Amino acid sequence: MAERNEIKGDGGQQEVWTIGRILKWTEGYFQKAGLDSPRLDAEVLLSHVLKKERIFLYVHFDQPMEAAELAVYKDCIKRRVQHQPVAYITGHKEFMGLDFRVTPATLIPRPDTEILVEAVLQRLKAGTEAEGSMIADIGTGSGAICLSLLNYLPRLQAVTVDISPEALAVAEENARELGLSERAEFLQGDMLVPLKEQSARFSGRLAAIVSNPPYIPRGDIAGLAPDVRAFEPIGALDGGEDGLDFYRRLLAEGAEFLQGDGFLAMEAGIHQAQQLKALAESLPQWGRCEIIRDLAGIERVVVLWKK
């Protein structure tokens, strides 16, 4: 907390900082710093420091903070006003009702990506035989997509790929914490290359390929919020000049790994879904195309079925 007079009394005596008082002060401080969700950020960070659920903060509004707790919380505040994402400060992010470890090596899971997971869940559940087979998650990051699918489809197997060994280490840790390690395989490499290297195992074997690839056009990176631009891995954001580089590779190479009734499900950026549909229509290996909107009405997920 930058203003020392806010922490100590006029006579230098240590003041009593209750949970309620520190939350109110932090909310105002974050507002002045221009943060988008000052109250929520304050609550999440304080819950992290106290190792309690957020409801605890309201039930124990008048509880005094200990000096050691204030010191840790002060450091969290300093990091947040420098626009470090809350998830990187706490090391955790909730996604699909599950707790995932995240680090600066991984993209922070977004609510929009839950639309992708829900779409895949619904389509795999449509056939019990598909639930007992394997999917591939390309660009897995923290593992949030594939591990959520494994959690909610108990017979499913998954192979995950990421070019970053640091990201794969986080995904493997999340798999262990969620008790899913036995049903997940982690391969390091560029997009579909690890599957090609083991084509005898994967060619024509997958029920689905899922991916949330980098899709921000390169020229738009500089205009992203500082929380994203300065802290999240650029390699997980930069989709090339038009944002479609990684989609082109998935569309060109993905069908060979799918079963006859398999599908490719991808998260898409704003205004990209129709472009992806057009790309798929130009290729002979893709048939039916589904486009799914998010809660804001944005075309967010593209599902392509192998012809």
Protein backbone atom coordinates (compact mmCIF):
# COMPACT_ATOMS: atom_id res chain seq x y z
CA MET A 1 0.00 0.00 0.00
CA ALA A 2 1.76 3.04 -1.28
CA GLU A 3 0.56 5.70 1.12
CA ARG A 4 2.31 5.00 4.39
CA ASN A 5 0.00 7.38 6.27
CA GLU A 6 -2.91 5.19 5.26
CA ILE A 7 -1.34 2.30 7.14
CA LYS A 8 -0.04 3.99 10.25
CA GLY A 9 -1.71 6.51 12.54
CA ASP A 10 -0.50 10.09 12.90
CA GLY A 11 1.62 9.18 15.86
CA GLY A 12 3.22 6.27 14.10
CA GLN A 13 1.16 3.75 16.06
CA GLN A 14 0.11 0.71 14.08
CA GLU A 15 -3.59 0.97 13.28
CA VAL A 16 -5.97 -1.96 13.32
CA TRP A 17 -6.82 -3.03 9.80
CA THR A 18 -9.87 -5.24 9.69
CA ILE A 19 -10.81 -7.36 6.69
CA GLY A 20 -13.62 -4.96 5.82
CA ARG A 21 -11.47 -1.87 6.10
CA ILE A 22 -8.63 -3.25 4.00
CA LEU A 23 -11.07 -4.38 1.31
CA LYS A 24 -12.65 -0.94 1.10
CA TRP A 25 -9.24 0.76 0.94
CA THR A 26 -7.98 -1.64 -1.73
CA GLU A 27 -11.09 -1.21 -3.84
CA GLY A 28 -10.56 2.55 -3.91
CA TYR A 29 -6.86 2.18 -4.64
CA PHE A 30 -7.56 -0.17 -7.54
CA GLN A 31 -10.21 2.20 -8.89
CA LYS A 32 -7.66 5.03 -8.96
CA ALA A 33 -5.27 2.71 -10.79
CA GLY A 34 -7.89 2.16 -13.50
CA LEU A 35 -8.42 -1.56 -12.94
CA ASP A 36 -11.60 -2.97 -14.43
CA SER A 37 -12.89 -5.00 -11.47
CA PRO A 38 -11.44 -3.37 -8.33
CA ARG A 39 -13.71 -4.99 -5.74
CA LEU A 40 -13.50 -8.48 -7.21
CA ASP A 41 -9.71 -8.26 -7.54
CA ALA A 42 -9.41 -7.10 -3.92
CA GLU A 43 -11.56 -9.97 -2.68
CA VAL A 44 -9.84 -12.66 -4.73
CA LEU A 45 -6.39 -11.52 -3.64
CA LEU A 46 -7.34 -11.26 0.03
CA SER A 47 -9.00 -14.68 -0.07
CA HIS A 48 -5.77 -16.03 -1.54
CA VAL A 49 -3.66 -14.46 1.21
CA LEU A 50 -5.95 -15.69 3.99
CA LYS A 51 -6.44 -19.10 2.31
CA LYS A 52 -10.19 -18.75 2.70
CA GLU A 53 -13.26 -18.70 0.45
CA ARG A 54 -14.56 -15.24 -0.48
CA ILE A 55 -17.65 -15.69 1.70
CA PHE A 56 -15.29 -15.74 4.70
CA LEU A 57 -14.47 -12.08 4.06
CA TYR A 58 -18.09 -11.07 4.66
CA VAL A 59 -18.75 -13.36 7.60
CA HIS A 60 -15.57 -12.05 9.30
CA PHE A 61 -15.77 -8.44 8.13
CA ASP A 62 -14.52 -7.08 11.48
CA GLN A 63 -11.67 -9.54 11.96
CA PRO A 64 -8.29 -7.78 12.37
CA MET A 65 -5.55 -8.57 9.91
CA GLU A 66 -2.24 -9.87 11.24
CA ALA A 67 0.96 -8.05 10.34
CA ALA A 68 2.27 -10.98 8.29
CA GLU A 69 -0.99 -11.17 6.34
CA LEU A 70 -0.88 -7.43 5.63
CA ALA A 71 2.67 -7.73 4.33
CA VAL A 72 1.75 -10.48 1.88
CA TYR A 73 -1.39 -8.64 0.80
CA LYS A 74 0.60 -5.44 0.28
CA ASP A 75 2.84 -7.29 -2.17
CA CYS A 76 -0.20 -8.62 -4.04
CA ILE A 77 -1.59 -5.08 -4.33
CA LYS A 78 1.70 -3.76 -5.71
CA ARG A 79 1.78 -6.47 -8.35
CA ARG A 80 -1.85 -5.92 -9.34
CA VAL A 81 -1.50 -2.16 -9.85
CA GLN A 82 1.38 -3.00 -12.20
CA HIS A 83 -1.33 -4.85 -14.19
CA GLN A 84 -0.12 -8.34 -13.36
CA PRO A 85 -3.18 -10.59 -13.82
CA VAL A 86 -4.82 -11.78 -10.63
CA ALA A 87 -4.52 -15.39 -11.80
CA TYR A 88 -0.73 -15.11 -12.08
CA ILE A 89 -0.51 -13.54 -8.63
CA THR A 90 -2.57 -16.30 -7.01
CA GLY A 91 -1.32 -19.03 -9.34
CA HIS A 92 -4.85 -20.35 -9.86
CA LYS A 93 -7.88 -19.89 -12.10
CA GLU A 94 -11.30 -21.52 -11.96
CA PHE A 95 -12.56 -23.01 -15.21
CA MET A 96 -15.55 -25.30 -15.79
CA GLY A 97 -15.97 -25.57 -12.02
CA LEU A 98 -12.42 -26.88 -11.58
CA ASP A 99 -9.31 -25.28 -10.11
CA PHE A 100 -6.34 -24.95 -12.47
CA ARG A 101 -2.81 -23.88 -11.73
CA VAL A 102 -1.59 -21.18 -14.13
CA THR A 103 1.77 -19.49 -14.62
CA PRO A 104 3.11 -16.87 -17.07
CA ALA A 105 3.98 -19.84 -19.32
CA THR A 106 0.27 -20.50 -19.89
CA LEU A 107 -2.62 -18.46 -21.19
CA ILE A 108 -5.20 -17.74 -18.48
CA PRO A 109 -8.41 -19.73 -19.20
CA ARG A 110 -11.33 -17.48 -20.17
CA PRO A 111 -15.08 -17.99 -19.71
CA ASP A 112 -15.46 -17.79 -23.52
CA THR A 113 -13.47 -21.02 -23.81
CA GLU A 114 -16.08 -22.82 -21.70
CA ILE A 115 -18.35 -22.48 -24.76
CA LEU A 116 -15.84 -24.62 -26.67
CA VAL A 117 -15.69 -27.23 -23.91
CA GLU A 118 -19.48 -27.41 -23.62
CA ALA A 119 -19.80 -27.84 -27.39
CA VAL A 120 -17.33 -30.74 -27.41
CA LEU A 121 -18.97 -32.36 -24.38
CA GLN A 122 -22.38 -32.32 -26.06
CA ARG A 123 -21.09 -33.79 -29.30
CA LEU A 124 -19.03 -36.53 -27.67
CA LYS A 125 -21.94 -37.49 -25.43
CA ALA A 126 -24.09 -38.00 -28.51
CA GLY A 127 -22.48 -41.43 -29.01
CA THR A 128 -21.37 -43.67 -26.15
CA GLU A 129 -18.72 -45.25 -28.38
CA ALA A 130 -17.06 -41.83 -28.81
CA GLU A 131 -16.90 -41.37 -25.04
CA GLY A 132 -14.61 -44.37 -24.81
CA SER A 133 -12.13 -43.13 -27.40
CA MET A 134 -9.45 -40.46 -27.67
CA ILE A 135 -9.29 -36.76 -28.44
CA ALA A 136 -6.35 -34.44 -29.08
CA ASP A 137 -5.98 -30.96 -27.56
CA ILE A 138 -3.63 -28.89 -29.71
CA GLY A 139 -1.96 -25.99 -27.86
CA THR A 140 -3.05 -27.24 -24.47
CA GLY A 141 -1.45 -24.56 -22.27
CA SER A 142 -2.64 -25.18 -18.70
CA GLY A 143 -4.61 -28.21 -19.88
CA ALA A 144 -7.90 -26.55 -18.97
CA ILE A 145 -9.77 -27.71 -22.09
CA CYS A 146 -8.74 -31.36 -22.25
CA LEU A 147 -8.73 -31.92 -18.48
CA SER A 148 -12.23 -30.46 -18.18
CA LEU A 149 -13.38 -32.85 -20.90
CA LEU A 150 -11.72 -35.80 -19.15
CA ASN A 151 -13.27 -34.79 -15.84
CA TYR A 152 -16.81 -34.77 -17.24
CA LEU A 153 -16.42 -37.77 -19.59
CA PRO A 154 -14.96 -40.50 -17.37
CA ARG A 155 -14.19 -42.95 -20.21
CA LEU A 156 -12.45 -40.44 -22.46
CA GLN A 157 -8.69 -40.48 -23.20
CA ALA A 158 -6.71 -37.45 -24.38
CA VAL A 159 -3.41 -36.62 -25.99
CA THR A 160 -2.29 -33.05 -25.50
CA VAL A 161 0.28 -31.07 -27.45
CA ASP A 162 2.07 -27.82 -26.73
CA ILE A 163 5.25 -26.32 -28.13
CA SER A 164 6.21 -24.98 -24.68
CA PRO A 165 7.74 -27.48 -22.25
CA GLU A 166 6.99 -25.06 -19.41
CA ALA A 167 3.30 -25.03 -20.32
CA LEU A 168 3.23 -28.82 -20.58
CA ALA A 169 4.72 -29.08 -17.09
CA VAL A 170 1.84 -26.96 -15.76
CA ALA A 171 -0.72 -29.11 -17.62
CA GLU A 172 0.81 -32.29 -16.21
CA GLU A 173 0.68 -30.82 -12.71
CA ASN A 174 -2.99 -29.97 -13.19
CA ALA A 175 -3.68 -33.51 -14.41
CA ARG A 176 -2.08 -34.93 -11.25
CA GLU A 177 -4.03 -32.58 -8.99
CA LEU A 178 -7.31 -33.52 -10.69
CA GLY A 179 -6.53 -37.24 -10.65
CA LEU A 180 -6.55 -37.46 -14.45
CA SER A 181 -2.93 -38.35 -15.26
CA GLU A 182 -3.70 -41.93 -16.27
CA ARG A 183 -6.03 -40.77 -19.06
CA ALA A 184 -3.88 -37.94 -20.44
CA GLU A 185 -0.70 -38.06 -22.52
CA PHE A 186 1.47 -34.96 -22.95
CA LEU A 187 3.55 -34.40 -26.08
CA GLN A 188 5.88 -31.49 -26.69
CA GLY A 189 5.96 -30.12 -30.21
CA ASP A 190 4.59 -27.78 -32.84
CA MET A 191 0.84 -28.18 -33.47
CA LEU A 192 0.15 -31.54 -35.17
CA VAL A 193 3.80 -32.51 -35.67
CA PRO A 194 3.95 -34.89 -32.64
CA LEU A 195 0.87 -36.72 -33.99
CA LYS A 196 2.49 -37.03 -37.41
CA GLU A 197 5.62 -38.46 -35.80
CA GLN A 198 3.43 -41.21 -34.34
CA SER A 199 1.01 -41.50 -37.26
CA ALA A 200 0.57 -45.26 -36.76
CA ARG A 201 -0.98 -44.53 -33.36
CA PHE A 202 -3.09 -41.52 -34.23
CA SER A 203 -3.99 -41.53 -37.93
CA GLY A 204 -7.74 -42.09 -38.25
CA ARG A 205 -8.06 -42.80 -34.51
CA LEU A 206 -9.32 -39.59 -32.89
CA ALA A 207 -12.95 -38.86 -32.07
CA ALA A 208 -12.18 -35.14 -31.98
CA ILE A 209 -9.45 -32.53 -32.18
CA VAL A 210 -10.01 -29.47 -30.01
CA SER A 211 -7.99 -26.28 -30.03
CA ASN A 212 -7.94 -22.72 -28.79
CA PRO A 213 -5.04 -21.60 -30.98
CA PRO A 214 -3.38 -18.19 -31.07
CA TYR A 215 -5.78 -16.01 -33.09
CA ILE A 216 -4.98 -12.36 -32.42
CA PRO A 217 -3.81 -10.60 -35.62
CA ARG A 218 -0.23 -9.49 -35.09
CA GLY A 219 -1.04 -5.84 -35.65
CA ASP A 220 -3.61 -5.92 -32.84
CA ILE A 221 -1.23 -7.18 -30.14
CA ALA A 222 -0.05 -3.68 -29.21
CA GLY A 223 -3.64 -2.60 -28.56
CA LEU A 224 -4.44 -5.37 -26.09
CA ALA A 225 -5.03 -4.58 -22.42
CA PRO A 226 -1.74 -4.27 -20.51
CA ASP A 227 -2.71 -7.23 -18.32
CA VAL A 228 -2.66 -9.39 -21.46
CA ARG A 229 -0.05 -7.70 -23.65
CA ALA A 230 2.67 -7.42 -21.01
CA PHE A 231 2.18 -10.65 -19.07
CA GLU A 232 0.52 -13.46 -21.01
CA PRO A 233 2.68 -15.51 -23.42
CA ILE A 234 2.78 -13.82 -26.81
CA GLY A 235 3.18 -17.21 -28.48
CA ALA A 236 -0.30 -18.14 -27.23
CA LEU A 237 -1.79 -14.92 -28.63
CA ASP A 238 -0.10 -14.09 -31.95
CA GLY A 239 -2.00 -15.71 -34.82
CA GLY A 240 0.05 -14.15 -37.61
CA GLU A 241 -0.78 -11.24 -39.88
CA ASP A 242 -4.49 -12.00 -40.13
CA GLY A 243 -4.83 -14.19 -37.03
CA LEU A 244 -5.52 -17.32 -39.07
CA ASP A 245 -2.08 -18.95 -39.38
CA PHE A 246 -2.72 -21.76 -36.91
CA TYR A 247 -6.24 -22.43 -38.19
CA ARG A 248 -4.87 -22.96 -41.69
CA ARG A 249 -2.56 -25.66 -40.35
CA LEU A 250 -5.33 -27.35 -38.37
CA LEU A 251 -7.64 -27.36 -41.38
CA ALA A 252 -4.96 -28.58 -43.78
CA GLU A 253 -3.61 -31.37 -41.60
CA GLY A 254 -6.18 -32.26 -38.93
CA ALA A 255 -8.66 -34.44 -40.84
CA GLU A 256 -6.21 -37.30 -41.37
CA PHE A 257 -6.17 -38.00 -37.63
CA LEU A 258 -9.95 -38.13 -37.21
CA GLN A 259 -12.25 -41.11 -37.32
CA GLY A 260 -14.81 -41.17 -40.10
CA ASP A 261 -17.35 -39.37 -37.92
CA GLY A 262 -14.77 -37.23 -36.09
CA PHE A 263 -14.79 -33.48 -35.77
CA LEU A 264 -12.49 -30.51 -35.29
CA ALA A 265 -13.68 -27.94 -32.72
CA MET A 266 -11.94 -24.57 -32.47
CA GLU A 267 -12.43 -21.36 -30.55
CA ALA A 268 -12.50 -18.37 -32.90
CA GLY A 269 -11.86 -14.67 -32.47
CA ILE A 270 -14.37 -11.97 -33.30
CA HIS A 271 -15.30 -11.98 -37.03
CA GLN A 272 -13.21 -15.10 -37.69
CA ALA A 273 -15.85 -17.85 -37.70
CA GLN A 274 -17.15 -17.10 -41.18
CA GLN A 275 -13.59 -16.93 -42.50
CA LEU A 276 -12.91 -20.37 -41.04
CA LYS A 277 -16.08 -21.73 -42.59
CA ALA A 278 -14.99 -20.40 -45.99
CA LEU A 279 -11.53 -21.93 -45.58
CA ALA A 280 -13.07 -25.29 -44.71
CA GLU A 281 -15.39 -25.14 -47.74
CA SER A 282 -12.34 -24.70 -49.97
CA LEU A 283 -10.88 -28.01 -48.74
CA PRO A 284 -12.24 -31.42 -49.81
CA GLN A 285 -11.73 -33.14 -46.44
CA TRP A 286 -14.32 -31.11 -44.51
CA GLY A 287 -18.06 -31.48 -44.61
CA ARG A 288 -20.68 -30.08 -42.24
CA CYS A 289 -19.84 -26.88 -40.36
CA GLU A 290 -21.46 -25.69 -37.14
CA ILE A 291 -20.94 -22.21 -35.68
CA ILE A 292 -21.83 -21.60 -32.03
CA ARG A 293 -22.35 -18.18 -30.48
CA ASP A 294 -21.31 -17.15 -26.98
CA LEU A 295 -23.59 -15.41 -24.47
CA ALA A 296 -22.81 -12.04 -26.07
CA GLY A 297 -23.97 -13.32 -29.46
CA ILE A 298 -20.44 -13.50 -30.89
CA GLU A 299 -19.66 -16.44 -33.19
CA ARG A 300 -17.18 -18.10 -30.84
CA VAL A 301 -16.81 -21.80 -31.74
CA VAL A 302 -16.47 -23.53 -35.11
CA VAL A 303 -17.06 -27.28 -35.37
CA LEU A 304 -16.08 -29.02 -38.60
CA TRP A 305 -16.98 -32.63 -39.40
CA LYS A 306 -14.72 -34.84 -41.44
CA LYS A 307 -16.25 -35.62 -44.83
